[in-house]
Each structure stands twice: as C-alpha cells, then as structure tokens.
PDB file of all heavy atoms in Angstrom:
ATOM      1  N   HIS A   1       0.894  -1.127   0.012  1.00  0.00           N
ATOM      2  CA  HIS A   1      -0.035   0.019   0.036  1.00  0.00           C
ATOM      3  C   HIS A   1       0.926   1.179  -0.021  1.00  0.00           C
ATOM      4  O   HIS A   1       2.038   1.100   0.452  1.00  0.00           O
ATOM      5  CB  HIS A   1      -0.917   0.017   1.178  1.00  0.00           C
ATOM      6  CG  HIS A   1      -1.861   1.085   1.214  1.00  0.00           C
ATOM      7  ND1 HIS A   1      -1.593   2.401   1.472  1.00  0.00           N
ATOM      8  CD2 HIS A   1      -3.230   1.062   0.974  1.00  0.00           C
ATOM      9  CE1 HIS A   1      -2.722   3.135   1.481  1.00  0.00           C
ATOM     10  NE2 HIS A   1      -3.725   2.378   1.126  1.00  0.00           N
ATOM     11  N   VAL A   2       0.484   2.284  -0.555  1.00  0.00           N
ATOM     12  CA  VAL A   2       1.369   3.442  -0.641  1.00  0.00           C
ATOM     13  C   VAL A   2       1.829   3.949   0.703  1.00  0.00           C
ATOM     14  O   VAL A   2       2.949   4.566   0.795  1.00  0.00           O
ATOM     15  CB  VAL A   2       0.716   4.547  -1.500  1.00  0.00           C
ATOM     16  CG1 VAL A   2      -0.376   5.214  -0.789  1.00  0.00           C
ATOM     17  CG2 VAL A   2       1.761   5.581  -2.007  1.00  0.00           C
ATOM     18  N   TRP A   3       1.011   3.912   1.742  1.00  0.00           N
ATOM     19  CA  TRP A   3       1.349   4.503   3.009  1.00  0.00           C
ATOM     20  C   TRP A   3       2.585   3.903   3.636  1.00  0.00           C
ATOM     21  O   TRP A   3       3.490   4.668   4.111  1.00  0.00           O
ATOM     22  CB  TRP A   3       0.203   4.446   3.971  1.00  0.00           C
ATOM     23  CG  TRP A   3      -0.990   5.393   3.495  1.00  0.00           C
ATOM     24  CD1 TRP A   3      -0.924   6.359   2.555  1.00  0.00           C
ATOM     25  CD2 TRP A   3      -2.334   5.214   3.913  1.00  0.00           C
ATOM     26  NE1 TRP A   3      -2.212   6.923   2.427  1.00  0.00           N
ATOM     27  CE2 TRP A   3      -3.073   6.243   3.211  1.00  0.00           C
ATOM     28  CE3 TRP A   3      -2.994   4.425   4.743  1.00  0.00           C
ATOM     29  CZ2 TRP A   3      -4.397   6.459   3.325  1.00  0.00           C
ATOM     30  CZ3 TRP A   3      -4.363   4.609   4.928  1.00  0.00           C
ATOM     31  CH2 TRP A   3      -5.145   5.566   4.136  1.00  0.00           C
ATOM     32  N   PRO A   4       2.775   2.509   3.634  1.00  0.00           N
ATOM     33  CA  PRO A   4       4.085   2.038   4.147  1.00  0.00           C
ATOM     34  C   PRO A   4       5.236   2.453   3.332  1.00  0.00           C
ATOM     35  O   PRO A   4       6.285   2.765   3.888  1.00  0.00           O
ATOM     36  CB  PRO A   4       3.836   0.494   4.061  1.00  0.00           C
ATOM     37  CG  PRO A   4       2.346   0.301   4.066  1.00  0.00           C
ATOM     38  CD  PRO A   4       1.882   1.502   3.431  1.00  0.00           C
ATOM     39  N   ALA A   5       5.113   2.641   1.991  1.00  0.00           N
ATOM     40  CA  ALA A   5       6.177   3.065   1.154  1.00  0.00           C
ATOM     41  C   ALA A   5       6.458   4.580   1.462  1.00  0.00           C
ATOM     42  O   ALA A   5       7.707   4.909   1.600  1.00  0.00           O
ATOM     43  CB  ALA A   5       5.732   2.941  -0.343  1.00  0.00           C
ATOM     44  N   GLN A   6       5.533   5.354   1.570  1.00  0.00           N
ATOM     45  CA  GLN A   6       5.726   6.812   1.976  1.00  0.00           C
ATOM     46  C   GLN A   6       6.349   6.931   3.370  1.00  0.00           C
ATOM     47  O   GLN A   6       7.351   7.734   3.542  1.00  0.00           O
ATOM     48  CB  GLN A   6       4.349   7.503   1.989  1.00  0.00           C
ATOM     49  CG  GLN A   6       3.788   7.712   0.571  1.00  0.00           C
ATOM     50  CD  GLN A   6       2.370   8.376   0.603  1.00  0.00           C
ATOM     51  OE1 GLN A   6       1.740   8.357   1.672  1.00  0.00           O
ATOM     52  NE2 GLN A   6       1.856   8.817  -0.539  1.00  0.00           N
ATOM     53  N   ALA A   7       5.826   6.052   4.311  1.00  0.00           N
ATOM     54  CA  ALA A   7       6.398   6.103   5.697  1.00  0.00           C
ATOM     55  C   ALA A   7       7.821   5.720   5.605  1.00  0.00           C
ATOM     56  O   ALA A   7       8.690   6.307   6.351  1.00  0.00           O
ATOM     57  CB  ALA A   7       5.623   5.166   6.524  1.00  0.00           C
ATOM     58  N   ALA A   8       8.216   4.703   4.799  1.00  0.00           N
ATOM     59  CA  ALA A   8       9.566   4.200   4.787  1.00  0.00           C
ATOM     60  C   ALA A   8      10.487   5.307   4.150  1.00  0.00           C
ATOM     61  O   ALA A   8      11.604   5.401   4.707  1.00  0.00           O
ATOM     62  CB  ALA A   8       9.621   2.937   3.956  1.00  0.00           C
ATOM     63  N   ILE A   9      10.023   6.013   3.257  1.00  0.00           N
ATOM     64  CA  ILE A   9      10.835   7.124   2.661  1.00  0.00           C
ATOM     65  C   ILE A   9      11.045   8.220   3.669  1.00  0.00           C
ATOM     66  O   ILE A   9      12.145   8.688   3.899  1.00  0.00           O
ATOM     67  CB  ILE A   9      10.121   7.662   1.392  1.00  0.00           C
ATOM     68  CG1 ILE A   9      10.119   6.622   0.222  1.00  0.00           C
ATOM     69  CG2 ILE A   9      10.842   8.950   0.910  1.00  0.00           C
ATOM     70  CD1 ILE A   9      11.489   6.270  -0.271  1.00  0.00           C
ATOM     71  N   HIS A  10       9.964   8.592   4.401  1.00  0.00           N
ATOM     72  CA  HIS A  10      10.109   9.612   5.437  1.00  0.00           C
ATOM     73  C   HIS A  10      11.040   9.164   6.597  1.00  0.00           C
ATOM     74  O   HIS A  10      11.738   9.972   7.182  1.00  0.00           O
ATOM     75  CB  HIS A  10       8.747   9.989   5.956  1.00  0.00           C
ATOM     76  CG  HIS A  10       7.899  10.833   5.150  1.00  0.00           C
ATOM     77  ND1 HIS A  10       8.251  12.094   4.735  1.00  0.00           N
ATOM     78  CD2 HIS A  10       6.730  10.590   4.472  1.00  0.00           C
ATOM     79  CE1 HIS A  10       7.422  12.584   3.918  1.00  0.00           C
ATOM     80  NE2 HIS A  10       6.404  11.667   3.764  1.00  0.00           N
ATOM     81  N   ALA A  11      11.115   7.818   6.749  1.00  0.00           N
ATOM     82  CA  ALA A  11      11.970   7.255   7.849  1.00  0.00           C
ATOM     83  C   ALA A  11      13.403   6.962   7.340  1.00  0.00           C
ATOM     84  O   ALA A  11      14.186   6.424   8.065  1.00  0.00           O
ATOM     85  CB  ALA A  11      11.333   5.950   8.370  1.00  0.00           C
ATOM     86  N   LYS A  12      13.615   7.355   6.054  1.00  0.00           N
ATOM     87  CA  LYS A  12      14.969   7.212   5.483  1.00  0.00           C
ATOM     88  C   LYS A  12      15.393   5.842   5.282  1.00  0.00           C
ATOM     89  O   LYS A  12      16.649   5.441   5.360  1.00  0.00           O
ATOM     90  CB  LYS A  12      15.988   7.986   6.273  1.00  0.00           C
ATOM     91  CG  LYS A  12      15.796   9.570   6.337  1.00  0.00           C
ATOM     92  CD  LYS A  12      16.789  10.284   7.177  1.00  0.00           C
ATOM     93  CE  LYS A  12      16.621  11.784   6.909  1.00  0.00           C
ATOM     94  NZ  LYS A  12      15.328  12.329   7.248  1.00  0.00           N
ATOM     95  N   MET A  13      14.368   4.889   5.031  1.00  0.00           N
ATOM     96  CA  MET A  13      14.739   3.507   4.589  1.00  0.00           C
ATOM     97  C   MET A  13      15.473   3.696   3.238  1.00  0.00           C
ATOM     98  O   MET A  13      14.988   4.493   2.378  1.00  0.00           O
ATOM     99  CB  MET A  13      13.524   2.650   4.530  1.00  0.00           C
ATOM    100  CG  MET A  13      12.863   2.480   5.889  1.00  0.00           C
ATOM    101  SD  MET A  13      13.838   1.487   7.003  1.00  0.00           S
ATOM    102  CE  MET A  13      13.661  -0.132   6.224  1.00  0.00           C
ATOM    103  N   LYS A  14      16.396   2.887   2.938  1.00  0.00           N
ATOM    104  CA  LYS A  14      17.281   3.122   1.730  1.00  0.00           C
ATOM    105  C   LYS A  14      16.724   2.518   0.504  1.00  0.00           C
ATOM    106  O   LYS A  14      16.953   3.029  -0.631  1.00  0.00           O
ATOM    107  CB  LYS A  14      18.673   2.646   1.998  1.00  0.00           C
ATOM    108  CG  LYS A  14      19.422   3.510   3.150  1.00  0.00           C
ATOM    109  CD  LYS A  14      20.684   2.788   3.504  1.00  0.00           C
ATOM    110  CE  LYS A  14      21.733   2.937   2.383  1.00  0.00           C
ATOM    111  NZ  LYS A  14      23.067   2.495   2.868  1.00  0.00           N
ATOM    112  N   TYR A  15      16.073   1.401   0.520  1.00  0.00           N
ATOM    113  CA  TYR A  15      15.714   0.566  -0.609  1.00  0.00           C
ATOM    114  C   TYR A  15      14.197   0.289  -0.603  1.00  0.00           C
ATOM    115  O   TYR A  15      13.738  -0.704   0.036  1.00  0.00           O
ATOM    116  CB  TYR A  15      16.561  -0.715  -0.716  1.00  0.00           C
ATOM    117  CG  TYR A  15      17.930  -0.493  -0.492  1.00  0.00           C
ATOM    118  CD1 TYR A  15      18.516  -1.001   0.714  1.00  0.00           C
ATOM    119  CD2 TYR A  15      18.737   0.210  -1.273  1.00  0.00           C
ATOM    120  CE1 TYR A  15      19.966  -0.817   0.912  1.00  0.00           C
ATOM    121  CE2 TYR A  15      20.120   0.522  -1.099  1.00  0.00           C
ATOM    122  CZ  TYR A  15      20.683  -0.080   0.027  1.00  0.00           C
ATOM    123  OH  TYR A  15      21.987   0.189   0.285  1.00  0.00           O
ATOM    124  N   VAL A  16      13.410   1.129  -1.157  1.00  0.00           N
ATOM    125  CA  VAL A  16      11.978   1.029  -1.039  1.00  0.00           C
ATOM    126  C   VAL A  16      11.323   0.889  -2.409  1.00  0.00           C
ATOM    127  O   VAL A  16      11.590   1.607  -3.352  1.00  0.00           O
ATOM    128  CB  VAL A  16      11.398   2.435  -0.380  1.00  0.00           C
ATOM    129  CG1 VAL A  16       9.858   2.296  -0.283  1.00  0.00           C
ATOM    130  CG2 VAL A  16      12.013   2.739   0.897  1.00  0.00           C
ATOM    131  N   VAL A  17      10.528  -0.290  -2.482  1.00  0.00           N
ATOM    132  CA  VAL A  17       9.709  -0.502  -3.639  1.00  0.00           C
ATOM    133  C   VAL A  17       8.244  -0.367  -3.246  1.00  0.00           C
ATOM    134  O   VAL A  17       7.802  -0.769  -2.277  1.00  0.00           O
ATOM    135  CB  VAL A  17       9.964  -1.979  -4.197  1.00  0.00           C
ATOM    136  CG1 VAL A  17       9.014  -2.350  -5.224  1.00  0.00           C
ATOM    137  CG2 VAL A  17      11.420  -2.193  -4.671  1.00  0.00           C
ATOM    138  N   ASN A  18       7.581   0.372  -4.126  1.00  0.00           N
ATOM    139  CA  ASN A  18       6.103   0.718  -3.926  1.00  0.00           C
ATOM    140  C   ASN A  18       5.346  -0.066  -5.010  1.00  0.00           C
ATOM    141  O   ASN A  18       5.330   0.363  -6.140  1.00  0.00           O
ATOM    142  CB  ASN A  18       5.950   2.180  -4.048  1.00  0.00           C
ATOM    143  CG  ASN A  18       4.451   2.600  -3.968  1.00  0.00           C
ATOM    144  OD1 ASN A  18       3.695   1.898  -3.310  1.00  0.00           O
ATOM    145  ND2 ASN A  18       4.172   3.694  -4.548  1.00  0.00           N
ATOM    146  N   ALA A  19       4.672  -1.126  -4.526  1.00  0.00           N
ATOM    147  CA  ALA A  19       3.863  -2.027  -5.476  1.00  0.00           C
ATOM    148  C   ALA A  19       2.520  -1.460  -5.693  1.00  0.00           C
ATOM    149  O   ALA A  19       1.689  -1.569  -4.749  1.00  0.00           O
ATOM    150  CB  ALA A  19       3.839  -3.402  -4.820  1.00  0.00           C
ATOM    151  N   ILE A  20       2.344  -0.745  -6.862  1.00  0.00           N
ATOM    152  CA  ILE A  20       1.006  -0.270  -7.147  1.00  0.00           C
ATOM    153  C   ILE A  20       0.003  -1.292  -7.532  1.00  0.00           C
ATOM    154  O   ILE A  20       0.309  -2.103  -8.356  1.00  0.00           O
ATOM    155  CB  ILE A  20       1.225   0.755  -8.216  1.00  0.00           C
ATOM    156  CG1 ILE A  20       2.056   2.034  -7.811  1.00  0.00           C
ATOM    157  CG2 ILE A  20      -0.138   1.305  -8.806  1.00  0.00           C
ATOM    158  CD1 ILE A  20       2.301   3.073  -8.873  1.00  0.00           C
ATOM    159  N   PRO A  21      -1.154  -1.263  -6.855  1.00  0.00           N
ATOM    160  CA  PRO A  21      -2.129  -2.402  -7.056  1.00  0.00           C
ATOM    161  C   PRO A  21      -3.055  -2.257  -8.218  1.00  0.00           C
ATOM    162  O   PRO A  21      -3.447  -3.237  -8.805  1.00  0.00           O
ATOM    163  CB  PRO A  21      -2.890  -2.373  -5.761  1.00  0.00           C
ATOM    164  CG  PRO A  21      -2.908  -0.894  -5.276  1.00  0.00           C
ATOM    165  CD  PRO A  21      -1.569  -0.398  -5.721  1.00  0.00           C
ATOM    166  N   ASP A  22      -3.406  -0.925  -8.657  1.00  0.00           N
ATOM    167  CA  ASP A  22      -4.570  -0.899  -9.533  1.00  0.00           C
ATOM    168  C   ASP A  22      -4.108  -0.679 -10.994  1.00  0.00           C
ATOM    169  O   ASP A  22      -2.856  -0.342 -11.252  1.00  0.00           O
ATOM    170  CB  ASP A  22      -5.407   0.346  -9.166  1.00  0.00           C
ATOM    171  CG  ASP A  22      -6.115   0.146  -7.847  1.00  0.00           C
ATOM    172  OD1 ASP A  22      -6.644  -0.890  -7.687  1.00  0.00           O
ATOM    173  OD2 ASP A  22      -6.186   1.059  -7.000  1.00  0.00           O
ATOM    174  N   ASN A  23      -5.014  -0.774 -11.883  1.00  0.00           N
ATOM    175  CA  ASN A  23      -4.791  -0.632 -13.302  1.00  0.00           C
ATOM    176  C   ASN A  23      -5.330   0.754 -13.828  1.00  0.00           C
ATOM    177  O   ASN A  23      -5.327   1.029 -14.990  1.00  0.00           O
ATOM    178  CB  ASN A  23      -5.455  -1.728 -14.195  1.00  0.00           C
ATOM    179  CG  ASN A  23      -5.020  -1.800 -15.546  1.00  0.00           C
ATOM    180  OD1 ASN A  23      -3.857  -1.422 -15.848  1.00  0.00           O
ATOM    181  ND2 ASN A  23      -5.803  -2.228 -16.447  1.00  0.00           N
ATOM    182  N   TRP A  24      -5.686   1.636 -12.858  1.00  0.00           N
ATOM    183  CA  TRP A  24      -6.104   2.954 -13.191  1.00  0.00           C
ATOM    184  C   TRP A  24      -5.191   3.918 -12.474  1.00  0.00           C
ATOM    185  O   TRP A  24      -5.145   4.010 -11.280  1.00  0.00           O
ATOM    186  CB  TRP A  24      -7.511   3.131 -12.635  1.00  0.00           C
ATOM    187  CG  TRP A  24      -8.154   4.482 -12.773  1.00  0.00           C
ATOM    188  CD1 TRP A  24      -8.518   5.284 -11.713  1.00  0.00           C
ATOM    189  CD2 TRP A  24      -8.369   5.288 -13.971  1.00  0.00           C
ATOM    190  NE1 TRP A  24      -8.922   6.554 -12.154  1.00  0.00           N
ATOM    191  CE2 TRP A  24      -8.908   6.537 -13.564  1.00  0.00           C
ATOM    192  CE3 TRP A  24      -8.223   5.042 -15.270  1.00  0.00           C
ATOM    193  CZ2 TRP A  24      -9.341   7.555 -14.471  1.00  0.00           C
ATOM    194  CZ3 TRP A  24      -8.525   6.056 -16.196  1.00  0.00           C
ATOM    195  CH2 TRP A  24      -9.150   7.284 -15.784  1.00  0.00           C
ATOM    196  N   PRO A  25      -4.363   4.651 -13.315  1.00  0.00           N
ATOM    197  CA  PRO A  25      -3.402   5.612 -12.703  1.00  0.00           C
ATOM    198  C   PRO A  25      -4.050   6.656 -11.729  1.00  0.00           C
ATOM    199  O   PRO A  25      -4.909   7.382 -12.128  1.00  0.00           O
ATOM    200  CB  PRO A  25      -2.807   6.209 -13.842  1.00  0.00           C
ATOM    201  CG  PRO A  25      -2.963   5.266 -14.975  1.00  0.00           C
ATOM    202  CD  PRO A  25      -4.390   4.713 -14.768  1.00  0.00           C
ATOM    203  N   MET A  26      -3.505   6.725 -10.500  1.00  0.00           N
ATOM    204  CA  MET A  26      -3.985   7.557  -9.498  1.00  0.00           C
ATOM    205  C   MET A  26      -2.787   8.021  -8.672  1.00  0.00           C
ATOM    206  O   MET A  26      -1.959   7.352  -8.229  1.00  0.00           O
ATOM    207  CB  MET A  26      -4.996   6.931  -8.533  1.00  0.00           C
ATOM    208  CG  MET A  26      -6.325   6.461  -9.162  1.00  0.00           C
ATOM    209  SD  MET A  26      -7.510   5.901  -7.958  1.00  0.00           S
ATOM    210  CE  MET A  26      -6.820   4.380  -7.455  1.00  0.00           C
ATOM    211  N   ALA A  27      -2.786   9.407  -8.469  1.00  0.00           N
ATOM    212  CA  ALA A  27      -1.678  10.038  -7.632  1.00  0.00           C
ATOM    213  C   ALA A  27      -1.737   9.461  -6.175  1.00  0.00           C
ATOM    214  O   ALA A  27      -0.726   9.494  -5.522  1.00  0.00           O
ATOM    215  CB  ALA A  27      -1.848  11.477  -7.567  1.00  0.00           C
ATOM    216  N   LEU A  28      -2.929   8.929  -5.726  1.00  0.00           N
ATOM    217  CA  LEU A  28      -2.954   8.296  -4.445  1.00  0.00           C
ATOM    218  C   LEU A  28      -1.770   7.264  -4.239  1.00  0.00           C
ATOM    219  O   LEU A  28      -1.245   7.176  -3.133  1.00  0.00           O
ATOM    220  CB  LEU A  28      -4.308   7.490  -4.357  1.00  0.00           C
ATOM    221  CG  LEU A  28      -4.474   6.374  -3.390  1.00  0.00           C
ATOM    222  CD1 LEU A  28      -4.547   7.020  -2.037  1.00  0.00           C
ATOM    223  CD2 LEU A  28      -5.648   5.539  -3.594  1.00  0.00           C
ATOM    224  N   HIS A  29      -1.396   6.623  -5.306  1.00  0.00           N
ATOM    225  CA  HIS A  29      -0.429   5.516  -5.145  1.00  0.00           C
ATOM    226  C   HIS A  29       1.019   5.975  -5.308  1.00  0.00           C
ATOM    227  O   HIS A  29       1.925   5.141  -5.365  1.00  0.00           O
ATOM    228  CB  HIS A  29      -0.697   4.465  -6.207  1.00  0.00           C
ATOM    229  CG  HIS A  29      -1.988   3.701  -5.971  1.00  0.00           C
ATOM    230  ND1 HIS A  29      -2.314   3.072  -4.796  1.00  0.00           N
ATOM    231  CD2 HIS A  29      -3.022   3.470  -6.807  1.00  0.00           C
ATOM    232  CE1 HIS A  29      -3.472   2.469  -4.876  1.00  0.00           C
ATOM    233  NE2 HIS A  29      -3.991   2.767  -6.055  1.00  0.00           N
TER     234      HIS A  29
END
C-alpha cells in the first residue's frame, strides 16, 4: 500500500519498492 512506502521514505529507509495495485493511474499511489 502506498502509506508504508511513503512512511519508509520519510523514515529514510534506503531501498523502497512501492507495489502499485490498480490498473487505473492515481496519484494516491
């Protein structure tokens, strides 16, 4: 989900992959 990815970036995790779930492009993700 995007929130764990965003949280990891804010926490300065170094290697973050954000798995987008939907087939409809949304800035939410």
